[in-house]
């Protein structure tokens, strides 16, 4: 696969951690960025806006996967899609990349 590398990007999972419940979207993106983690979210509308704002401000992030078409109940499809996307680009290539699933 083109662009594939031994070094794969890593994701950030916050949904099941009660400590992050209610955290504002910009803080979630900052948290992911500080830890160099690709952020995966179904909150595509808000995070697409944040990605645009960060790009306009020339702020870098570690990447985002915005889930537009899959429902929460389609967990297997989400996991398979995220794994496929993470394998397509190196960690360095994920920087500032925003893709839809």
N, C-alpha and C. Protein backbone atom coordinates (compact mmCIF):
# COMPACT_ATOMS: atom_id res chain seq x y z
N UNK A 1 0.85 -1.18 0.00
CA UNK A 1 0.00 0.00 0.00
C UNK A 1 0.89 1.24 0.00
N UNK A 2 0.58 2.19 -0.84
CA UNK A 2 1.38 3.40 -0.95
C UNK A 2 1.39 4.16 0.37
N UNK A 3 2.58 4.64 0.74
CA UNK A 3 2.69 5.45 1.95
C UNK A 3 2.72 4.66 3.25
N UNK A 4 2.61 3.35 3.17
CA UNK A 4 2.59 2.54 4.38
C UNK A 4 3.97 2.48 5.01
N UNK A 5 4.03 2.45 6.30
CA UNK A 5 5.29 2.45 7.02
C UNK A 5 5.19 1.51 8.21
N UNK A 6 6.35 1.12 8.70
CA UNK A 6 6.38 0.32 9.93
C UNK A 6 5.84 1.13 11.10
N UNK A 7 6.02 2.44 11.05
CA UNK A 7 5.56 3.33 12.11
C UNK A 7 4.12 3.73 11.84
N UNK A 8 3.20 3.28 12.67
CA UNK A 8 1.79 3.63 12.49
C UNK A 8 1.40 4.71 13.48
N UNK A 9 0.49 5.54 13.05
CA UNK A 9 -0.04 6.57 13.94
C UNK A 9 -0.85 5.90 15.03
N UNK A 10 -0.98 6.57 16.15
CA UNK A 10 -1.78 6.04 17.24
C UNK A 10 -2.99 6.94 17.45
N UNK A 11 -4.04 6.34 17.97
CA UNK A 11 -5.28 7.08 18.17
C UNK A 11 -5.47 7.46 19.62
N UNK A 12 -6.41 8.30 19.85
CA UNK A 12 -6.76 8.75 21.19
C UNK A 12 -8.18 8.32 21.50
N UNK A 13 -8.35 7.60 22.59
CA UNK A 13 -9.69 7.16 22.98
C UNK A 13 -10.05 7.81 24.31
N UNK A 14 -11.07 8.64 24.28
CA UNK A 14 -11.52 9.32 25.50
C UNK A 14 -12.95 8.95 25.87
N UNK A 15 -13.68 8.41 24.95
CA UNK A 15 -15.12 8.23 25.13
C UNK A 15 -15.48 7.46 26.38
N UNK A 16 -14.66 6.51 26.78
CA UNK A 16 -15.01 5.67 27.91
C UNK A 16 -14.36 6.13 29.21
N UNK A 17 -13.64 7.24 29.18
CA UNK A 17 -12.95 7.73 30.37
C UNK A 17 -13.79 8.84 30.99
N UNK A 18 -14.35 8.59 32.16
CA UNK A 18 -15.24 9.56 32.81
C UNK A 18 -14.54 10.89 33.10
N UNK A 19 -13.22 10.87 33.22
CA UNK A 19 -12.49 12.11 33.51
C UNK A 19 -12.62 13.12 32.37
N UNK A 20 -12.95 12.66 31.17
CA UNK A 20 -13.05 13.55 30.02
C UNK A 20 -14.47 13.89 29.64
N UNK A 21 -15.44 13.40 30.40
CA UNK A 21 -16.84 13.67 30.10
C UNK A 21 -17.11 15.17 30.19
N UNK A 22 -17.71 15.71 29.16
CA UNK A 22 -18.06 17.12 29.14
C UNK A 22 -16.92 18.06 28.77
N UNK A 23 -15.77 17.51 28.43
CA UNK A 23 -14.63 18.33 28.04
C UNK A 23 -14.96 19.06 26.73
N UNK A 24 -14.68 20.35 26.67
CA UNK A 24 -14.95 21.13 25.47
C UNK A 24 -14.11 20.61 24.31
N UNK A 25 -14.69 20.67 23.11
CA UNK A 25 -14.03 20.15 21.91
C UNK A 25 -12.62 20.71 21.70
N UNK A 26 -12.40 22.01 21.83
CA UNK A 26 -11.04 22.53 21.64
C UNK A 26 -10.04 21.91 22.62
N UNK A 27 -10.48 21.63 23.83
CA UNK A 27 -9.59 21.01 24.81
C UNK A 27 -9.29 19.56 24.45
N UNK A 28 -10.27 18.87 23.87
CA UNK A 28 -10.04 17.49 23.41
C UNK A 28 -8.97 17.49 22.32
N UNK A 29 -9.08 18.41 21.38
CA UNK A 29 -8.09 18.48 20.30
C UNK A 29 -6.71 18.87 20.84
N UNK A 30 -6.67 19.78 21.78
CA UNK A 30 -5.39 20.15 22.40
C UNK A 30 -4.77 18.95 23.12
N UNK A 31 -5.59 18.21 23.85
CA UNK A 31 -5.14 17.03 24.58
C UNK A 31 -4.54 16.01 23.60
N UNK A 32 -5.24 15.73 22.50
CA UNK A 32 -4.76 14.78 21.50
C UNK A 32 -3.45 15.27 20.88
N UNK A 33 -3.40 16.55 20.59
CA UNK A 33 -2.21 17.14 19.97
C UNK A 33 -1.01 17.04 20.88
N UNK A 34 -1.19 17.36 22.16
CA UNK A 34 -0.08 17.29 23.13
C UNK A 34 0.48 15.87 23.22
N UNK A 35 -0.37 14.87 23.03
CA UNK A 35 0.06 13.48 23.14
C UNK A 35 0.38 12.85 21.79
N UNK A 36 0.35 13.66 20.73
CA UNK A 36 0.63 13.21 19.37
C UNK A 36 -0.25 12.03 18.97
N UNK A 37 -1.56 12.16 19.21
CA UNK A 37 -2.53 11.11 18.91
C UNK A 37 -3.52 11.58 17.85
N UNK A 38 -3.81 10.70 16.91
CA UNK A 38 -4.85 10.97 15.93
C UNK A 38 -6.18 10.92 16.67
N UNK A 39 -7.00 11.93 16.50
CA UNK A 39 -8.29 12.00 17.16
C UNK A 39 -9.36 11.39 16.25
N UNK A 40 -10.16 10.49 16.80
CA UNK A 40 -11.25 9.86 16.07
C UNK A 40 -12.55 10.29 16.74
N UNK A 41 -13.49 10.80 15.95
CA UNK A 41 -14.73 11.30 16.53
C UNK A 41 -15.91 11.17 15.57
N UNK A 42 -17.09 10.99 16.18
CA UNK A 42 -18.33 11.07 15.41
C UNK A 42 -18.89 12.49 15.44
N UNK A 43 -18.28 13.35 16.21
CA UNK A 43 -18.68 14.75 16.29
C UNK A 43 -18.03 15.50 15.12
N UNK A 44 -18.33 15.03 13.93
CA UNK A 44 -17.66 15.51 12.72
C UNK A 44 -17.90 16.98 12.45
N UNK A 45 -19.11 17.43 12.62
CA UNK A 45 -19.43 18.83 12.31
C UNK A 45 -18.58 19.79 13.13
N UNK A 46 -18.52 19.59 14.45
CA UNK A 46 -17.76 20.50 15.31
C UNK A 46 -16.26 20.39 15.06
N UNK A 47 -15.76 19.16 14.86
CA UNK A 47 -14.32 19.00 14.69
C UNK A 47 -13.86 19.40 13.29
N UNK A 48 -14.73 19.34 12.28
CA UNK A 48 -14.39 19.87 10.96
C UNK A 48 -14.18 21.38 11.07
N UNK A 49 -15.07 22.02 11.82
CA UNK A 49 -14.93 23.46 12.06
C UNK A 49 -13.62 23.76 12.80
N UNK A 50 -13.33 22.97 13.85
CA UNK A 50 -12.09 23.17 14.60
C UNK A 50 -10.86 22.96 13.72
N UNK A 51 -10.90 21.95 12.87
CA UNK A 51 -9.77 21.69 11.97
C UNK A 51 -9.53 22.89 11.06
N UNK A 52 -10.60 23.47 10.56
CA UNK A 52 -10.50 24.65 9.69
C UNK A 52 -9.92 25.83 10.48
N UNK A 53 -10.42 26.04 11.71
CA UNK A 53 -9.92 27.13 12.54
C UNK A 53 -8.43 26.96 12.84
N UNK A 54 -8.03 25.73 13.17
CA UNK A 54 -6.62 25.47 13.47
C UNK A 54 -5.77 25.69 12.23
N UNK A 55 -6.25 25.27 11.07
CA UNK A 55 -5.48 25.47 9.83
C UNK A 55 -5.31 26.96 9.54
N UNK A 56 -6.38 27.72 9.71
CA UNK A 56 -6.31 29.17 9.47
C UNK A 56 -5.36 29.85 10.43
N UNK A 57 -5.26 29.32 11.66
CA UNK A 57 -4.36 29.88 12.67
C UNK A 57 -2.96 29.26 12.59
N UNK A 58 -2.76 28.37 11.63
CA UNK A 58 -1.49 27.65 11.44
C UNK A 58 -1.09 26.87 12.70
N UNK A 59 -2.09 26.28 13.34
CA UNK A 59 -1.85 25.41 14.50
C UNK A 59 -1.82 23.97 14.02
N UNK A 60 -0.81 23.24 14.42
CA UNK A 60 -0.66 21.85 13.99
C UNK A 60 -1.38 20.91 14.95
N UNK A 61 -1.86 19.80 14.41
CA UNK A 61 -2.43 18.72 15.22
C UNK A 61 -1.92 17.40 14.65
N UNK A 62 -2.17 16.31 15.35
CA UNK A 62 -1.63 15.00 14.97
C UNK A 62 -2.52 14.25 13.99
N UNK A 63 -3.62 14.84 13.57
CA UNK A 63 -4.52 14.22 12.61
C UNK A 63 -5.88 13.96 13.21
N UNK A 64 -6.88 13.84 12.32
CA UNK A 64 -8.25 13.57 12.76
C UNK A 64 -8.92 12.63 11.78
N UNK A 65 -9.70 11.72 12.33
CA UNK A 65 -10.60 10.88 11.55
C UNK A 65 -12.01 11.26 11.97
N UNK A 66 -12.75 11.83 11.04
CA UNK A 66 -14.12 12.28 11.31
C UNK A 66 -15.09 11.24 10.76
N UNK A 67 -15.88 10.66 11.64
CA UNK A 67 -16.82 9.61 11.24
C UNK A 67 -18.14 10.28 10.87
N UNK A 68 -18.46 10.28 9.58
CA UNK A 68 -19.65 10.96 9.08
C UNK A 68 -20.81 10.01 8.87
N UNK A 69 -20.55 8.81 8.41
CA UNK A 69 -21.64 7.97 7.90
C UNK A 69 -21.97 6.76 8.76
N UNK A 70 -21.16 6.44 9.73
CA UNK A 70 -21.39 5.24 10.54
C UNK A 70 -22.03 5.60 11.87
N UNK A 71 -22.97 4.78 12.30
CA UNK A 71 -23.67 4.95 13.57
C UNK A 71 -22.84 4.35 14.70
N UNK A 72 -23.08 4.81 15.93
CA UNK A 72 -22.40 4.25 17.11
C UNK A 72 -22.50 2.73 17.15
N UNK A 73 -23.62 2.19 16.72
CA UNK A 73 -23.85 0.75 16.80
C UNK A 73 -23.01 -0.03 15.79
N UNK A 74 -22.41 0.64 14.83
CA UNK A 74 -21.59 -0.03 13.82
C UNK A 74 -20.12 -0.08 14.24
N UNK A 75 -19.91 -0.56 15.46
CA UNK A 75 -18.59 -0.54 16.07
C UNK A 75 -17.56 -1.30 15.24
N UNK A 76 -17.90 -2.47 14.76
CA UNK A 76 -16.96 -3.27 13.97
C UNK A 76 -16.51 -2.54 12.72
N UNK A 77 -17.44 -1.88 12.04
CA UNK A 77 -17.11 -1.13 10.84
C UNK A 77 -16.24 0.08 11.16
N UNK A 78 -16.51 0.71 12.30
CA UNK A 78 -15.71 1.86 12.72
C UNK A 78 -14.27 1.42 12.99
N UNK A 79 -14.11 0.35 13.76
CA UNK A 79 -12.77 -0.15 14.09
C UNK A 79 -12.02 -0.53 12.81
N UNK A 80 -12.68 -1.27 11.93
CA UNK A 80 -12.03 -1.69 10.68
C UNK A 80 -11.64 -0.47 9.84
N UNK A 81 -12.51 0.52 9.76
CA UNK A 81 -12.20 1.72 9.00
C UNK A 81 -11.05 2.51 9.58
N UNK A 82 -11.04 2.66 10.90
CA UNK A 82 -9.96 3.38 11.57
C UNK A 82 -8.64 2.65 11.35
N UNK A 83 -8.63 1.34 11.53
CA UNK A 83 -7.40 0.57 11.32
C UNK A 83 -6.90 0.72 9.88
N UNK A 84 -7.82 0.67 8.92
CA UNK A 84 -7.43 0.81 7.52
C UNK A 84 -6.82 2.19 7.27
N UNK A 85 -7.48 3.23 7.78
CA UNK A 85 -6.98 4.59 7.57
C UNK A 85 -5.64 4.81 8.26
N UNK A 86 -5.47 4.30 9.48
CA UNK A 86 -4.20 4.48 10.17
C UNK A 86 -3.05 3.82 9.43
N UNK A 87 -3.34 2.74 8.71
CA UNK A 87 -2.31 2.04 7.96
C UNK A 87 -1.93 2.71 6.66
N UNK A 88 -2.71 3.69 6.22
CA UNK A 88 -2.46 4.33 4.93
C UNK A 88 -1.39 5.41 4.98
N UNK A 89 -1.18 6.00 6.14
CA UNK A 89 -0.21 7.09 6.26
C UNK A 89 0.68 6.86 7.47
N UNK A 90 1.91 7.38 7.40
CA UNK A 90 2.83 7.32 8.53
C UNK A 90 2.41 8.36 9.57
N UNK A 91 2.98 8.26 10.75
CA UNK A 91 2.67 9.24 11.79
C UNK A 91 3.00 10.65 11.32
N UNK A 92 4.11 10.80 10.63
CA UNK A 92 4.49 12.12 10.11
C UNK A 92 3.48 12.62 9.08
N UNK A 93 2.99 11.73 8.23
CA UNK A 93 2.02 12.12 7.21
C UNK A 93 0.66 12.47 7.80
N UNK A 94 0.36 11.95 8.98
CA UNK A 94 -0.91 12.26 9.63
C UNK A 94 -0.96 13.70 10.13
N UNK A 95 0.19 14.32 10.33
CA UNK A 95 0.21 15.67 10.87
C UNK A 95 -0.68 16.59 10.04
N UNK A 96 -1.67 17.18 10.68
CA UNK A 96 -2.63 18.13 10.09
C UNK A 96 -3.57 17.50 9.06
N UNK A 97 -3.55 16.18 8.94
CA UNK A 97 -4.43 15.49 8.00
C UNK A 97 -5.80 15.27 8.64
N UNK A 98 -6.85 15.53 7.89
CA UNK A 98 -8.21 15.29 8.35
C UNK A 98 -8.87 14.43 7.28
N UNK A 99 -9.35 13.24 7.69
CA UNK A 99 -10.01 12.34 6.74
C UNK A 99 -11.36 11.94 7.27
N UNK A 100 -12.25 11.61 6.37
CA UNK A 100 -13.59 11.18 6.73
C UNK A 100 -13.73 9.67 6.64
N UNK A 101 -14.61 9.14 7.45
CA UNK A 101 -14.91 7.71 7.44
C UNK A 101 -16.41 7.56 7.38
